[in-house]
Structure formats: C-alpha cells, structure tokens
Amino acid sequence: MNDKAIDHYNLTLYEIEKGMTLSEARDTLKHYEELEEYEECQGIHLAIEVVSFHILTELIKDKKKKKIKWK
C-alpha cells in the first residue's frame, strides 16, 4: 500500500473508533470510487474489512461463551 492508502486506512479506523458506522464508511468508499480515487479506496476498503472481521470474531467468541440449552 502506498502513503495515500495507509493514510485513509488509518483515518477510517479512527473515524469508526469515534462512532462512524460501517454503513457510513461504505458510503465514503462509494464517494471515492465515483471520484476514481482508487488509492484512497484501497485504504478505506481494507479498514472496513478489518473491522468487519473483528466484529464477526467477537460475535463468534460471545456465542461460544454462552451455552445453548435445548429443551
């Protein structure tokens, strides 16, 4: 990744940490795609994928902690 991609990756992670939703991040990604700013898109896309992966991982961990009782 180049500097622009890394900057937008870090900025997107920061924005998500401060309350931006993944939907809003995807809207930002679409905006940069329309502008054909693909280096920025690379960083934003990676940040969305990393956060999504971590969310899914945490959900799986939580499910494993809870035992389901079948009646």
C-alpha atoms as a PDB file:
ATOM      1  CA  MET A   1       0.000   0.000   0.000  1.00  0.00           C
ATOM      2  CA  ASN A   2       1.166   3.498  -0.703  1.00  0.00           C
ATOM      3  CA  ASP A   3       1.021   6.504   1.630  1.00  0.00           C
ATOM      4  CA  LYS A   4      -2.445   7.665   0.476  1.00  0.00           C
ATOM      5  CA  ALA A   5      -3.927   4.229   1.089  1.00  0.00           C
ATOM      6  CA  ILE A   6      -2.279   3.946   4.507  1.00  0.00           C
ATOM      7  CA  ASP A   7      -3.497   7.427   5.484  1.00  0.00           C
ATOM      8  CA  HIS A   8      -7.090   6.614   4.507  1.00  0.00           C
ATOM      9  CA  TYR A   9      -6.869   3.235   6.233  1.00  0.00           C
ATOM     10  CA  ASN A  10      -5.797   4.891   9.482  1.00  0.00           C
ATOM     11  CA  LEU A  11      -8.306   7.716   9.090  1.00  0.00           C
ATOM     12  CA  THR A  12     -11.166   5.286   8.517  1.00  0.00           C
ATOM     13  CA  LEU A  13     -10.186   3.219  11.557  1.00  0.00           C
ATOM     14  CA  TYR A  14     -10.054   6.420  13.609  1.00  0.00           C
ATOM     15  CA  GLU A  15     -13.463   7.555  12.356  1.00  0.00           C
ATOM     16  CA  ILE A  16     -15.025   4.147  13.111  1.00  0.00           C
ATOM     17  CA  GLU A  17     -13.500   4.244  16.581  1.00  0.00           C
ATOM     18  CA  LYS A  18     -15.079   7.677  17.100  1.00  0.00           C
ATOM     19  CA  GLY A  19     -18.541   6.471  16.084  1.00  0.00           C
ATOM     20  CA  MET A  20     -18.756   6.239  12.299  1.00  0.00           C
ATOM     21  CA  THR A  21     -20.865   3.259  11.283  1.00  0.00           C
ATOM     22  CA  LEU A  22     -19.743   0.702   8.730  1.00  0.00           C
ATOM     23  CA  SER A  23     -22.586   1.897   6.528  1.00  0.00           C
ATOM     24  CA  GLU A  24     -21.215   5.434   6.627  1.00  0.00           C
ATOM     25  CA  ALA A  25     -17.734   4.109   5.861  1.00  0.00           C
ATOM     26  CA  ARG A  26     -19.141   2.244   2.845  1.00  0.00           C
ATOM     27  CA  ASP A  27     -20.817   5.463   1.684  1.00  0.00           C
ATOM     28  CA  THR A  28     -17.453   7.205   1.930  1.00  0.00           C
ATOM     29  CA  LEU A  29     -15.896   4.393  -0.085  1.00  0.00           C
ATOM     30  CA  LYS A  30     -18.561   4.801  -2.794  1.00  0.00           C
ATOM     31  CA  HIS A  31     -17.849   8.532  -2.896  1.00  0.00           C
ATOM     32  CA  TYR A  32     -14.151   7.937  -3.537  1.00  0.00           C
ATOM     33  CA  GLU A  33     -14.983   5.282  -6.133  1.00  0.00           C
ATOM     34  CA  GLU A  34     -17.109   7.828  -8.008  1.00  0.00           C
ATOM     35  CA  LEU A  35     -14.153  10.223  -7.936  1.00  0.00           C
ATOM     36  CA  GLU A  36     -11.932   7.365  -9.172  1.00  0.00           C
ATOM     37  CA  GLU A  37      -9.557   7.858  -6.247  1.00  0.00           C
ATOM     38  CA  TYR A  38      -8.595   4.213  -6.092  1.00  0.00           C
ATOM     39  CA  GLU A  39      -5.611   4.555  -3.753  1.00  0.00           C
ATOM     40  CA  GLU A  40      -7.890   6.089  -1.131  1.00  0.00           C
ATOM     41  CA  CYS A  41     -10.461   3.363  -1.828  1.00  0.00           C
ATOM     42  CA  GLN A  42      -7.859   0.702  -1.091  1.00  0.00           C
ATOM     43  CA  GLY A  43      -7.250   2.039   2.414  1.00  0.00           C
ATOM     44  CA  ILE A  44     -10.923   2.589   3.208  1.00  0.00           C
ATOM     45  CA  HIS A  45     -11.884  -0.850   1.906  1.00  0.00           C
ATOM     46  CA  LEU A  46      -9.178  -2.554   3.952  1.00  0.00           C
ATOM     47  CA  ALA A  47     -10.261  -0.743   7.121  1.00  0.00           C
ATOM     48  CA  ILE A  48     -13.879  -1.822   6.565  1.00  0.00           C
ATOM     49  CA  GLU A  49     -12.801  -5.430   6.015  1.00  0.00           C
ATOM     50  CA  VAL A  50     -10.562  -5.467   9.114  1.00  0.00           C
ATOM     51  CA  VAL A  51     -13.274  -4.014  11.358  1.00  0.00           C
ATOM     52  CA  SER A  52     -15.897  -6.383   9.935  1.00  0.00           C
ATOM     53  CA  PHE A  53     -13.592  -9.341  10.579  1.00  0.00           C
ATOM     54  CA  HIS A  54     -13.015  -8.269  14.173  1.00  0.00           C
ATOM     55  CA  ILE A  55     -16.730  -7.772  14.780  1.00  0.00           C
ATOM     56  CA  LEU A  56     -17.500 -11.261  13.447  1.00  0.00           C
ATOM     57  CA  THR A  57     -14.698 -12.755  15.518  1.00  0.00           C
ATOM     58  CA  GLU A  58     -16.069 -11.159  18.682  1.00  0.00           C
ATOM     59  CA  LEU A  59     -19.593 -12.368  17.909  1.00  0.00           C
ATOM     60  CA  ILE A  60     -18.307 -15.908  17.465  1.00  0.00           C
ATOM     61  CA  LYS A  61     -16.399 -15.716  20.752  1.00  0.00           C
ATOM     62  CA  ASP A  62     -19.519 -14.498  22.552  1.00  0.00           C
ATOM     63  CA  LYS A  63     -21.617 -17.324  21.095  1.00  0.00           C
ATOM     64  CA  LYS A  64     -19.079 -19.905  22.251  1.00  0.00           C
ATOM     65  CA  LYS A  65     -19.163 -18.493  25.787  1.00  0.00           C
ATOM     66  CA  LYS A  66     -22.934 -18.861  26.016  1.00  0.00           C
ATOM     67  CA  LYS A  67     -24.159 -22.392  26.260  1.00  0.00           C
ATOM     68  CA  ILE A  68     -27.397 -23.016  24.492  1.00  0.00           C
ATOM     69  CA  LYS A  69     -29.844 -25.173  26.419  1.00  0.00           C
ATOM     70  CA  TRP A  70     -32.055 -27.308  24.241  1.00  0.00           C
ATOM     71  CA  LYS A  71     -35.393 -28.389  25.684  1.00  0.00           C
END
